[in-house]
């Protein structure tokens, strides 16, 4: 049982180190002062690129016009609601 709790403490300290490194990376990115001695981790750069690509994709979907068939269906539903309410 002792080894289990020791492993948990090691995991906690790794999490703390990773968290501190992530905060440091964000500070470096925010200031634009990245140095060659402390480059951003490859995983962070990949995650950042994926995140930006997903945001752009979802933004283009949200900005796309509705197909005519959907507009017709929405108009029919509105007419039905107006008829049922009145």
C-alpha atoms as a PDB file:
ATOM      1  CA  UNK A   1       0.000   0.000   0.000  1.00  0.00           C
ATOM      2  CA  UNK A   2       2.908   2.378   0.678  1.00  0.00           C
ATOM      3  CA  UNK A   3       4.053   2.183  -2.925  1.00  0.00           C
ATOM      4  CA  UNK A   4       0.588   3.273  -4.096  1.00  0.00           C
ATOM      5  CA  UNK A   5       0.626   6.443  -2.037  1.00  0.00           C
ATOM      6  CA  UNK A   6       4.197   7.175  -3.087  1.00  0.00           C
ATOM      7  CA  UNK A   7       3.168   6.798  -6.717  1.00  0.00           C
ATOM      8  CA  UNK A   8       0.298   9.209  -6.177  1.00  0.00           C
ATOM      9  CA  UNK A   9       2.665  11.776  -4.685  1.00  0.00           C
ATOM     10  CA  UNK A  10       4.972  11.396  -7.675  1.00  0.00           C
ATOM     11  CA  UNK A  11       2.010  11.866 -10.027  1.00  0.00           C
ATOM     12  CA  UNK A  12       0.967  14.990  -8.097  1.00  0.00           C
ATOM     13  CA  UNK A  13       4.438  16.470  -8.326  1.00  0.00           C
ATOM     14  CA  UNK A  14       4.571  15.680 -12.053  1.00  0.00           C
ATOM     15  CA  UNK A  15       1.202  17.376 -12.488  1.00  0.00           C
ATOM     16  CA  UNK A  16       2.429  20.405 -10.577  1.00  0.00           C
ATOM     17  CA  UNK A  17       5.588  20.590 -12.705  1.00  0.00           C
ATOM     18  CA  UNK A  18       3.582  20.189 -15.925  1.00  0.00           C
ATOM     19  CA  UNK A  19       1.102  22.834 -14.794  1.00  0.00           C
ATOM     20  CA  UNK A  20       3.879  25.262 -13.901  1.00  0.00           C
ATOM     21  CA  UNK A  21       5.568  24.606 -17.257  1.00  0.00           C
ATOM     22  CA  UNK A  22       2.285  25.261 -19.080  1.00  0.00           C
ATOM     23  CA  UNK A  23       1.837  28.566 -17.208  1.00  0.00           C
ATOM     24  CA  UNK A  24       5.413  29.543 -18.017  1.00  0.00           C
ATOM     25  CA  UNK A  25       4.848  28.703 -21.687  1.00  0.00           C
ATOM     26  CA  UNK A  26       1.720  30.840 -21.771  1.00  0.00           C
ATOM     27  CA  UNK A  27       3.595  33.743 -20.156  1.00  0.00           C
ATOM     28  CA  UNK A  28       6.376  33.406 -22.719  1.00  0.00           C
ATOM     29  CA  UNK A  29       3.868  33.272 -25.566  1.00  0.00           C
ATOM     30  CA  UNK A  30       1.955  36.275 -24.230  1.00  0.00           C
ATOM     31  CA  UNK A  31       5.073  38.404 -23.992  1.00  0.00           C
ATOM     32  CA  UNK A  32       6.515  37.163 -27.269  1.00  0.00           C
ATOM     33  CA  UNK A  33       9.804  36.543 -25.485  1.00  0.00           C
ATOM     34  CA  UNK A  34      10.361  32.888 -26.352  1.00  0.00           C
ATOM     35  CA  UNK A  35      13.988  31.951 -25.946  1.00  0.00           C
ATOM     36  CA  UNK A  36      15.933  29.163 -27.575  1.00  0.00           C
ATOM     37  CA  UNK A  37      16.779  27.781 -24.125  1.00  0.00           C
ATOM     38  CA  UNK A  38      13.081  27.257 -23.266  1.00  0.00           C
ATOM     39  CA  UNK A  39      11.176  26.375 -26.443  1.00  0.00           C
ATOM     40  CA  UNK A  40       7.491  25.555 -26.306  1.00  0.00           C
ATOM     41  CA  UNK A  41       6.839  21.824 -26.061  1.00  0.00           C
ATOM     42  CA  UNK A  42       5.946  20.164 -29.324  1.00  0.00           C
ATOM     43  CA  UNK A  43       2.657  18.879 -27.829  1.00  0.00           C
ATOM     44  CA  UNK A  44       1.618  22.430 -26.960  1.00  0.00           C
ATOM     45  CA  UNK A  45       2.359  23.661 -30.469  1.00  0.00           C
ATOM     46  CA  UNK A  46       0.394  20.783 -31.996  1.00  0.00           C
ATOM     47  CA  UNK A  47      -2.553  21.342 -29.635  1.00  0.00           C
ATOM     48  CA  UNK A  48      -2.493  25.065 -30.372  1.00  0.00           C
ATOM     49  CA  UNK A  49      -2.490  24.463 -34.137  1.00  0.00           C
ATOM     50  CA  UNK A  50      -5.366  21.975 -33.859  1.00  0.00           C
ATOM     51  CA  UNK A  51      -7.330  24.391 -31.676  1.00  0.00           C
ATOM     52  CA  UNK A  52      -6.892  27.255 -34.115  1.00  0.00           C
ATOM     53  CA  UNK A  53      -7.867  25.055 -37.070  1.00  0.00           C
ATOM     54  CA  UNK A  54     -11.010  23.865 -35.262  1.00  0.00           C
ATOM     55  CA  UNK A  55     -11.980  27.421 -34.331  1.00  0.00           C
ATOM     56  CA  UNK A  56     -11.622  28.527 -37.946  1.00  0.00           C
ATOM     57  CA  UNK A  57     -13.650  25.541 -39.153  1.00  0.00           C
ATOM     58  CA  UNK A  58     -16.480  26.091 -36.660  1.00  0.00           C
ATOM     59  CA  UNK A  59     -16.480  29.828 -37.374  1.00  0.00           C
ATOM     60  CA  UNK A  60     -16.925  29.131 -41.095  1.00  0.00           C
ATOM     61  CA  UNK A  61     -19.788  26.729 -40.313  1.00  0.00           C
ATOM     62  CA  UNK A  62     -21.490  29.285 -38.063  1.00  0.00           C
ATOM     63  CA  UNK A  63     -21.130  32.008 -40.698  1.00  0.00           C
ATOM     64  CA  UNK A  64     -22.418  29.847 -43.560  1.00  0.00           C
ATOM     65  CA  UNK A  65     -25.919  30.672 -44.794  1.00  0.00           C
ATOM     66  CA  UNK A  66     -28.714  28.216 -44.120  1.00  0.00           C
ATOM     67  CA  UNK A  67     -29.715  26.067 -47.078  1.00  0.00           C
ATOM     68  CA  UNK A  68     -32.951  27.141 -48.778  1.00  0.00           C
ATOM     69  CA  UNK A  69     -34.691  23.936 -47.700  1.00  0.00           C
ATOM     70  CA  UNK A  70     -34.088  24.783 -44.020  1.00  0.00           C
ATOM     71  CA  UNK A  71     -35.404  28.307 -44.526  1.00  0.00           C
ATOM     72  CA  UNK A  72     -38.571  26.902 -46.117  1.00  0.00           C
ATOM     73  CA  UNK A  73     -39.039  24.456 -43.223  1.00  0.00           C
ATOM     74  CA  UNK A  74     -38.546  27.239 -40.674  1.00  0.00           C
ATOM     75  CA  UNK A  75     -41.112  29.411 -42.460  1.00  0.00           C
ATOM     76  CA  UNK A  76     -43.584  26.507 -42.466  1.00  0.00           C
ATOM     77  CA  UNK A  77     -43.057  25.944 -38.737  1.00  0.00           C
ATOM     78  CA  UNK A  78     -43.562  29.640 -37.990  1.00  0.00           C
ATOM     79  CA  UNK A  79     -46.766  29.689 -40.030  1.00  0.00           C
ATOM     80  CA  UNK A  80     -48.025  26.621 -38.196  1.00  0.00           C
ATOM     81  CA  UNK A  81     -47.214  28.175 -34.772  1.00  0.00           C
ATOM     82  CA  UNK A  82     -49.003  31.400 -35.763  1.00  0.00           C
ATOM     83  CA  UNK A  83     -52.023  29.440 -36.981  1.00  0.00           C
ATOM     84  CA  UNK A  84     -52.140  27.295 -33.807  1.00  0.00           C
ATOM     85  CA  UNK A  85     -51.754  30.290 -31.495  1.00  0.00           C
ATOM     86  CA  UNK A  86     -54.383  32.410 -33.222  1.00  0.00           C
END
